[in-house]
Amino acid sequence: MGGTSKSETTQSSTTAPWQPTQGLLSNIIGQLNSATGNTGLTGAQNNALGTIENNSNAISAQFGPQASNYAQSLFNGGGALNQAGNINQNYQNYVNATQPLASNTNYNPYSTPGFSDAVNTLTNDITNNVNGQFAASGRDMSGANSQALARGIAQGVAPLIQQQYNQNVANQQNAANALYGAGNTNSGLLAGLQQQYLTNQGNGVAAASSAGDLQNAGATNTLAAEAQKYGIPLQNLGLLSQIGIPIAGLGSQSSGQSTTTNQMSGAQQFGTIAGGLGSLFGGGGGSTVGNIFKLISDRNAKEDIAQVGTLFDGTPVYRYRYKGQPAFQIGLMAQDVEKTTPEAVGRIGAYKAVDYKLATDKALEVA
């Protein structure tokens, strides 16, 4: 079973808000009409735009060539590598001065200038000292004299030889390390110059763009000024229209129509009708009308279900709404009743219905 309950309401109204202020609005509209002829440029605006054009042309002519030259210089590296030759020459001079020692692997102490003279002097001093001691005791030229002399020379000269050898090795290694460090320093300086060269070229790109903007500044500002000459009048007209259009729309008529449609399912409609008829005829298990018009109490036809109590026989009582209906009702659920009093449950279409008279008889007996 299906059905539709429908109601429609139509409203129409007319507004005339200008009537109490007609004199004021007429005055404003009259002033707007006179203002439409004054939307062009004023003398002050023309002078200001002309000054902008003249200044931009002067700046372009004065600084444009310098900016272009600067950009070209940066494109050429900005002189970043001008000192590369001096740096390389200084490094070569250092190599030339240090290389003989750095590449010398002859560590022989006697190859060191002055070393032989030092050894000879030390040997003579030791010989004179030892021989003098043995001569004083009358034992000069003896075997002991020769042995003591040889030991003394060895003990005195050997440390000098070892020291000079180690010094020669250290000098050569230090020179080689110094050359290695100087080479790294030279490479770093050249790499820095090269990086600065590239940086200058990158700055040249930005400078070239700025130079181009400066060269075009006059024409660009002229275009902007001309756009202002056209834009200012249009802007003035726009401001006037923002005032005039709302005023023109104040006297509009408005009408509206609203339609409200309420639709119930067949089961809900039947339940409502059945409830009314059941009340009208008094219900009752034995009456024909009461048996026919059982109330739809199927849980599937309801929503927002909440138990609020029980009958004396323990049957739950619920608060609920029929699906799609705003009003809350209180009653039983057919699924509960058929467990205790199945004869009180029937069907209306797809839904279960309850004869409340039969469903509550047992509750009266318990009470």
Protein backbone atom coordinates (compact mmCIF):
# COMPACT_ATOMS: atom_id res chain seq x y z
CA MET A 1 0.00 0.00 0.00
CA GLY A 2 1.38 3.44 -0.85
CA GLY A 3 0.17 7.00 -0.60
CA THR A 4 1.20 10.65 -0.56
CA SER A 5 0.11 13.48 1.70
CA LYS A 6 0.86 16.81 0.02
CA SER A 7 0.29 20.47 0.88
CA GLU A 8 1.28 23.59 -1.07
CA THR A 9 1.57 27.22 0.03
CA THR A 10 2.14 30.10 -2.37
CA GLN A 11 3.18 33.57 -1.23
CA SER A 12 3.65 36.73 -3.30
CA SER A 13 4.78 40.17 -2.15
CA THR A 14 5.79 43.48 -3.67
CA THR A 15 8.23 45.92 -2.08
CA ALA A 16 8.65 49.62 -2.80
CA PRO A 17 11.46 50.73 -0.43
CA TRP A 18 12.13 53.89 -2.40
CA GLN A 19 8.85 55.53 -1.52
CA PRO A 20 9.81 56.94 1.92
CA THR A 21 13.16 58.13 0.54
CA GLN A 22 12.14 59.09 -2.97
CA GLY A 23 13.33 62.66 -2.64
CA LEU A 24 16.76 61.65 -1.36
CA LEU A 25 17.23 59.00 -4.05
CA SER A 26 16.21 61.39 -6.78
CA ASN A 27 18.82 63.85 -5.56
CA ILE A 28 21.54 61.14 -5.58
CA ILE A 29 20.59 59.96 -9.06
CA GLY A 30 20.69 63.52 -10.33
CA GLN A 31 24.21 63.96 -8.97
CA LEU A 32 25.28 60.68 -10.57
CA ASN A 33 24.01 61.84 -13.93
CA SER A 34 26.07 65.00 -13.68
CA ALA A 35 29.13 63.04 -12.48
CA THR A 36 29.22 60.78 -15.54
CA GLY A 37 30.70 63.64 -17.54
CA ASN A 38 33.59 64.04 -15.10
CA THR A 39 35.17 60.60 -15.29
CA GLY A 40 38.11 61.65 -17.48
CA LEU A 41 41.64 62.50 -16.31
CA THR A 42 42.19 65.60 -14.26
CA GLY A 43 45.01 68.02 -15.04
CA ALA A 44 46.98 66.83 -12.01
CA GLN A 45 46.67 63.20 -13.14
CA ASN A 46 47.86 64.07 -16.64
CA ASN A 47 50.86 65.96 -15.25
CA ALA A 48 51.80 63.07 -12.92
CA LEU A 49 51.66 60.50 -15.71
CA GLY A 50 53.72 62.78 -17.97
CA THR A 51 56.38 63.14 -15.27
CA ILE A 52 56.61 59.35 -14.93
CA GLU A 53 57.14 58.97 -18.66
CA ASN A 54 59.82 61.67 -18.79
CA ASN A 55 61.72 60.33 -15.78
CA SER A 56 61.74 56.78 -17.10
CA ASN A 57 63.07 57.90 -20.46
CA ALA A 58 65.85 59.91 -18.77
CA ILE A 59 66.89 56.98 -16.55
CA SER A 60 66.98 54.65 -19.53
CA ALA A 61 69.17 57.01 -21.53
CA GLN A 62 71.54 57.76 -18.65
CA PHE A 63 72.13 54.35 -17.12
CA GLY A 64 71.22 51.89 -19.86
CA PRO A 65 74.68 51.86 -21.55
CA GLN A 66 76.52 51.48 -18.21
CA ALA A 67 74.30 48.59 -17.24
CA SER A 68 74.98 46.89 -20.57
CA ASN A 69 78.75 47.36 -20.18
CA TYR A 70 78.64 45.97 -16.68
CA ALA A 71 76.71 42.92 -17.81
CA GLN A 72 79.19 42.33 -20.67
CA SER A 73 82.11 42.57 -18.23
CA LEU A 74 80.54 39.97 -15.98
CA PHE A 75 79.89 37.71 -18.96
CA ASN A 76 83.65 37.88 -19.65
CA GLY A 77 84.42 36.75 -16.12
CA GLY A 78 84.88 40.13 -14.50
CA GLY A 79 88.70 39.80 -14.49
CA ALA A 80 88.57 36.91 -12.03
CA LEU A 81 91.48 35.07 -13.77
CA ASN A 82 93.71 38.09 -14.24
CA GLN A 83 96.01 37.05 -11.38
CA ALA A 84 96.23 33.40 -12.37
CA GLY A 85 99.57 33.97 -14.18
CA ASN A 86 101.16 35.63 -11.12
CA ILE A 87 99.99 32.84 -8.86
CA ASN A 88 101.45 30.20 -11.15
CA GLN A 89 104.76 32.09 -11.45
CA ASN A 90 105.09 32.41 -7.68
CA TYR A 91 104.51 28.71 -7.32
CA GLN A 92 107.14 27.93 -9.97
CA ASN A 93 109.67 30.14 -8.20
CA TYR A 94 109.05 28.27 -4.99
CA VAL A 95 109.48 24.92 -6.76
CA ASN A 96 112.72 26.02 -8.32
CA ALA A 97 114.11 27.06 -4.95
CA THR A 98 112.95 23.98 -3.05
CA GLN A 99 113.25 21.21 -5.64
CA PRO A 100 117.03 20.45 -5.29
CA LEU A 101 116.56 19.58 -1.64
CA ALA A 102 113.17 17.92 -2.10
CA SER A 103 114.52 15.51 -4.76
CA ASN A 104 117.87 14.79 -3.07
CA THR A 105 117.95 11.24 -1.75
CA ASN A 106 121.69 11.20 -1.00
CA TYR A 107 121.61 11.19 2.78
CA ASN A 108 125.44 10.60 3.17
CA PRO A 109 126.53 12.97 5.96
CA TYR A 110 129.88 13.60 4.23
CA SER A 111 128.00 15.07 1.24
CA THR A 112 126.81 17.82 3.54
CA PRO A 113 128.99 20.92 3.18
CA GLY A 114 131.26 21.43 6.22
CA PHE A 115 130.56 18.01 7.70
CA SER A 116 134.07 16.64 6.92
CA ASP A 117 135.68 19.65 8.54
CA ALA A 118 133.65 19.12 11.69
CA VAL A 119 134.59 15.43 11.82
CA ASN A 120 138.26 16.20 11.29
CA THR A 121 138.30 18.79 14.05
CA LEU A 122 136.58 16.42 16.46
CA THR A 123 139.01 13.59 15.54
CA ASN A 124 142.07 15.77 16.14
CA ASP A 125 140.73 16.90 19.51
CA ILE A 126 140.11 13.31 20.61
CA THR A 127 143.53 12.14 19.33
CA ASN A 128 145.40 14.92 21.11
CA ASN A 129 143.51 14.28 24.32
CA VAL A 130 144.04 10.48 24.37
CA ASN A 131 147.66 10.57 23.19
CA GLY A 132 148.49 13.27 25.69
CA GLN A 133 147.14 11.18 28.53
CA PHE A 134 149.21 8.11 27.50
CA ALA A 135 152.38 10.22 26.87
CA ALA A 136 152.13 11.65 30.34
CA SER A 137 152.21 8.14 31.79
CA GLY A 138 155.03 6.99 29.49
CA ARG A 139 152.77 4.61 27.61
CA ASP A 140 152.39 6.45 24.33
CA MET A 141 152.30 4.36 21.16
CA SER A 142 151.36 1.32 23.21
CA GLY A 143 148.63 -1.10 22.23
CA ALA A 144 146.40 0.34 24.94
CA ASN A 145 147.04 3.81 23.54
CA SER A 146 145.87 2.73 20.05
CA GLN A 147 142.85 0.92 21.45
CA ALA A 148 141.76 3.88 23.57
CA LEU A 149 142.27 6.27 20.68
CA ALA A 150 140.14 4.16 18.32
CA ARG A 151 137.35 3.82 20.89
CA GLY A 152 137.40 7.53 21.66
CA ILE A 153 137.20 8.52 18.02
CA ALA A 154 134.36 6.06 17.40
CA GLN A 155 132.38 7.25 20.43
CA GLY A 156 132.90 10.89 19.54
CA VAL A 157 132.34 10.83 15.75
CA ALA A 158 129.58 8.20 15.46
CA PRO A 159 126.85 10.34 17.11
CA LEU A 160 127.79 13.28 14.87
CA ILE A 161 127.49 11.11 11.76
CA GLN A 162 124.12 9.71 12.88
CA GLN A 163 122.78 13.12 13.73
CA GLN A 164 123.76 14.59 10.38
CA TYR A 165 122.27 11.61 8.50
CA ASN A 166 118.92 12.02 10.27
CA GLN A 167 118.99 15.76 9.66
CA ASN A 168 119.58 15.21 5.95
CA VAL A 169 116.60 12.82 5.78
CA ALA A 170 114.37 15.26 7.67
CA ASN A 171 115.40 18.18 5.47
CA GLN A 172 114.57 16.26 2.28
CA GLN A 173 111.19 15.07 3.62
CA ASN A 174 110.23 18.53 4.85
CA ALA A 175 111.09 20.04 1.47
CA ALA A 176 109.02 17.41 -0.32
CA ASN A 177 106.04 18.00 2.01
CA ALA A 178 106.37 21.74 1.54
CA LEU A 179 106.20 21.33 -2.21
CA TYR A 180 103.10 19.12 -1.88
CA GLY A 181 101.40 21.71 0.32
CA ALA A 182 102.37 24.53 -2.03
CA GLY A 183 100.90 22.61 -4.96
CA ASN A 184 97.60 22.15 -3.13
CA THR A 185 97.52 25.81 -2.16
CA ASN A 186 98.19 26.86 -5.74
CA SER A 187 95.43 24.57 -7.01
CA GLY A 188 93.01 25.96 -4.45
CA LEU A 189 93.76 29.53 -5.45
CA LEU A 190 93.28 28.75 -9.14
CA ALA A 191 90.06 26.83 -8.43
CA GLY A 192 88.75 29.79 -6.43
CA LEU A 193 89.53 32.14 -9.28
CA GLN A 194 87.79 29.83 -11.73
CA GLN A 195 84.75 29.62 -9.47
CA GLN A 196 84.65 33.39 -9.20
CA TYR A 197 84.88 33.52 -12.98
CA LEU A 198 81.80 31.31 -13.27
CA THR A 199 79.98 33.27 -10.57
CA ASN A 200 80.65 36.48 -12.41
CA GLN A 201 79.25 34.97 -15.57
CA GLY A 202 76.12 33.94 -13.69
CA ASN A 203 75.78 37.45 -12.32
CA GLY A 204 76.20 38.65 -15.87
CA VAL A 205 72.96 36.87 -16.80
CA ALA A 206 71.09 38.72 -14.05
CA ALA A 207 72.80 42.00 -14.95
CA ALA A 208 71.88 41.55 -18.60
CA SER A 209 68.25 41.08 -17.63
CA SER A 210 68.36 44.19 -15.46
CA ALA A 211 70.05 46.10 -18.26
CA GLY A 212 67.31 45.05 -20.63
CA ASP A 213 64.66 46.18 -18.15
CA LEU A 214 66.43 49.50 -17.81
CA GLN A 215 66.65 49.93 -21.56
CA ASN A 216 62.93 49.20 -21.84
CA ALA A 217 61.94 51.24 -18.78
CA GLY A 218 60.83 54.23 -20.85
CA ALA A 219 58.58 52.24 -23.14
CA THR A 220 57.26 50.12 -20.28
CA ASN A 221 56.31 53.11 -18.18
CA THR A 222 54.76 54.80 -21.18
CA LEU A 223 52.52 51.78 -21.68
CA ALA A 224 51.64 51.78 -17.99
CA ALA A 225 50.84 55.48 -18.07
CA GLU A 226 48.65 55.06 -21.14
CA ALA A 227 46.86 52.19 -19.40
CA GLN A 228 46.21 54.50 -16.47
CA LYS A 229 44.77 57.09 -18.82
CA TYR A 230 42.21 54.56 -19.95
CA GLY A 231 41.83 52.83 -16.61
CA ILE A 232 41.12 55.86 -14.42
CA PRO A 233 37.95 56.89 -16.30
CA LEU A 234 36.73 53.30 -16.33
CA GLN A 235 37.44 53.03 -12.62
CA ASN A 236 35.46 56.20 -11.97
CA LEU A 237 32.54 54.84 -13.99
CA GLY A 238 32.77 51.60 -12.04
CA LEU A 239 32.55 53.45 -8.73
CA LEU A 240 29.48 55.30 -9.94
CA SER A 241 27.87 52.07 -11.09
CA GLN A 242 28.42 50.49 -7.68
CA ILE A 243 26.26 53.27 -6.26
CA GLY A 244 23.69 53.51 -9.05
CA ILE A 245 22.96 49.82 -9.66
CA PRO A 246 21.90 49.00 -6.06
CA ILE A 247 19.69 52.09 -6.06
CA ALA A 248 18.04 50.99 -9.30
CA GLY A 249 17.32 47.57 -7.80
CA LEU A 250 15.64 48.82 -4.64
CA GLY A 251 12.16 48.90 -6.24
CA SER A 252 12.04 45.31 -7.40
CA GLN A 253 9.06 43.03 -6.89
CA SER A 254 9.50 39.67 -5.24
CA SER A 255 7.28 36.61 -5.33
CA GLY A 256 7.85 33.16 -4.06
CA GLN A 257 6.17 29.82 -3.88
CA SER A 258 6.84 27.08 -1.39
CA THR A 259 5.58 23.54 -1.62
CA THR A 260 5.65 21.08 1.28
CA THR A 261 5.20 17.39 0.55
CA ASN A 262 4.85 14.70 3.24
CA GLN A 263 4.81 11.08 2.15
CA MET A 264 4.07 8.01 4.29
CA SER A 265 4.51 4.38 3.45
CA GLY A 266 1.45 2.24 3.08
CA ALA A 267 2.18 0.47 6.34
CA GLN A 268 2.52 3.75 8.20
CA GLN A 269 -0.69 5.12 6.71
CA PHE A 270 -2.55 1.94 7.55
CA GLY A 271 -1.14 1.95 11.07
CA THR A 272 -2.34 5.50 11.60
CA ILE A 273 -5.78 4.72 10.20
CA ALA A 274 -5.98 1.48 12.13
CA GLY A 275 -5.05 3.21 15.35
CA GLY A 276 -7.80 5.76 14.82
CA LEU A 277 -10.38 3.16 13.92
CA GLY A 278 -9.34 0.98 16.82
CA SER A 279 -9.96 3.87 19.17
CA LEU A 280 -13.23 4.72 17.41
CA PHE A 281 -14.68 1.20 17.63
CA GLY A 282 -13.26 0.29 20.98
CA GLY A 283 -10.98 -2.57 19.81
CA GLY A 284 -11.48 -5.80 21.74
CA GLY A 285 -10.47 -9.35 21.07
CA GLY A 286 -13.99 -10.48 20.25
CA SER A 287 -15.06 -7.63 18.04
CA THR A 288 -14.72 -7.96 14.31
CA VAL A 289 -13.50 -4.42 13.94
CA GLY A 290 -10.88 -4.92 16.69
CA ASN A 291 -9.52 -8.05 15.03
CA ILE A 292 -9.33 -6.51 11.58
CA PHE A 293 -7.72 -3.27 12.60
CA LYS A 294 -4.82 -4.55 14.61
CA LEU A 295 -2.07 -2.02 15.09
CA ILE A 296 1.13 -2.40 13.09
CA SER A 297 3.76 -3.08 15.76
CA ASP A 298 6.49 -4.66 13.65
CA ARG A 299 9.98 -3.63 14.80
CA ASN A 300 10.97 -3.31 11.13
CA ALA A 301 8.47 -0.46 10.64
CA LYS A 302 9.88 1.61 13.50
CA GLU A 303 13.04 3.55 14.38
CA ASP A 304 14.58 5.34 17.37
CA ILE A 305 13.40 2.41 19.49
CA ALA A 306 14.09 2.60 23.27
CA GLN A 307 12.58 0.48 26.05
CA VAL A 308 10.76 2.58 28.66
CA GLY A 309 9.18 -0.14 30.85
CA THR A 310 7.39 -3.53 30.97
CA LEU A 311 3.85 -4.88 31.37
CA PHE A 312 2.96 -6.86 34.49
CA ASP A 313 3.63 -10.08 32.57
CA GLY A 314 7.13 -8.88 31.60
CA THR A 315 6.41 -7.84 28.01
CA PRO A 316 8.70 -4.86 27.13
CA VAL A 317 7.13 -1.48 26.39
CA TYR A 318 8.98 0.86 24.01
CA ARG A 319 9.10 4.47 22.87
CA TYR A 320 9.52 4.72 19.08
CA ARG A 321 8.72 6.53 15.88
CA TYR A 322 7.27 5.03 12.73
CA LYS A 323 9.90 5.37 10.01
CA GLY A 324 9.63 8.73 8.28
CA GLN A 325 7.26 10.20 10.95
CA PRO A 326 8.31 12.89 13.47
CA ALA A 327 5.97 11.96 16.35
CA PHE A 328 7.04 9.53 19.09
CA GLN A 329 4.62 6.85 20.33
CA ILE A 330 4.62 4.23 23.07
CA GLY A 331 3.65 0.61 22.50
CA LEU A 332 4.66 -3.03 22.04
CA MET A 333 6.74 -4.91 19.48
CA ALA A 334 5.05 -7.73 17.59
CA GLN A 335 8.23 -9.81 17.84
CA ASP A 336 7.98 -9.71 21.68
CA VAL A 337 4.22 -10.35 21.83
CA GLU A 338 4.29 -13.43 19.59
CA LYS A 339 6.65 -15.14 22.07
CA THR A 340 4.04 -15.02 24.84
CA THR A 341 0.70 -14.44 23.04
CA PRO A 342 1.08 -15.51 19.42
CA GLU A 343 -2.71 -15.39 18.88
CA ALA A 344 -2.55 -11.60 19.35
CA VAL A 345 -0.17 -11.20 16.38
CA GLY A 346 -1.29 -11.05 12.77
CA ARG A 347 0.00 -9.50 9.55
CA ILE A 348 -0.92 -6.42 7.58
CA GLY A 349 0.85 -6.66 4.29
CA ALA A 350 4.57 -7.14 4.91
CA TYR A 351 4.38 -6.07 8.58
CA LYS A 352 3.31 -7.82 11.78
CA ALA A 353 0.41 -6.30 13.72
CA VAL A 354 -0.74 -6.68 17.33
CA ASP A 355 -4.20 -6.86 18.87
CA TYR A 356 -3.47 -4.82 21.99
CA LYS A 357 -6.59 -6.23 23.78
CA LEU A 358 -5.39 -9.81 23.47
CA ALA A 359 -1.74 -8.86 24.02
CA THR A 360 -2.49 -7.24 27.41
CA ASP A 361 -5.05 -9.69 28.86
CA LYS A 362 -2.32 -11.76 30.50
CA ALA A 363 -0.81 -8.67 32.01
CA LEU A 364 -4.15 -7.90 33.65
CA GLU A 365 -4.34 -11.42 35.07
CA VAL A 366 -0.84 -11.09 36.58
CA ALA A 367 -1.65 -7.69 38.03
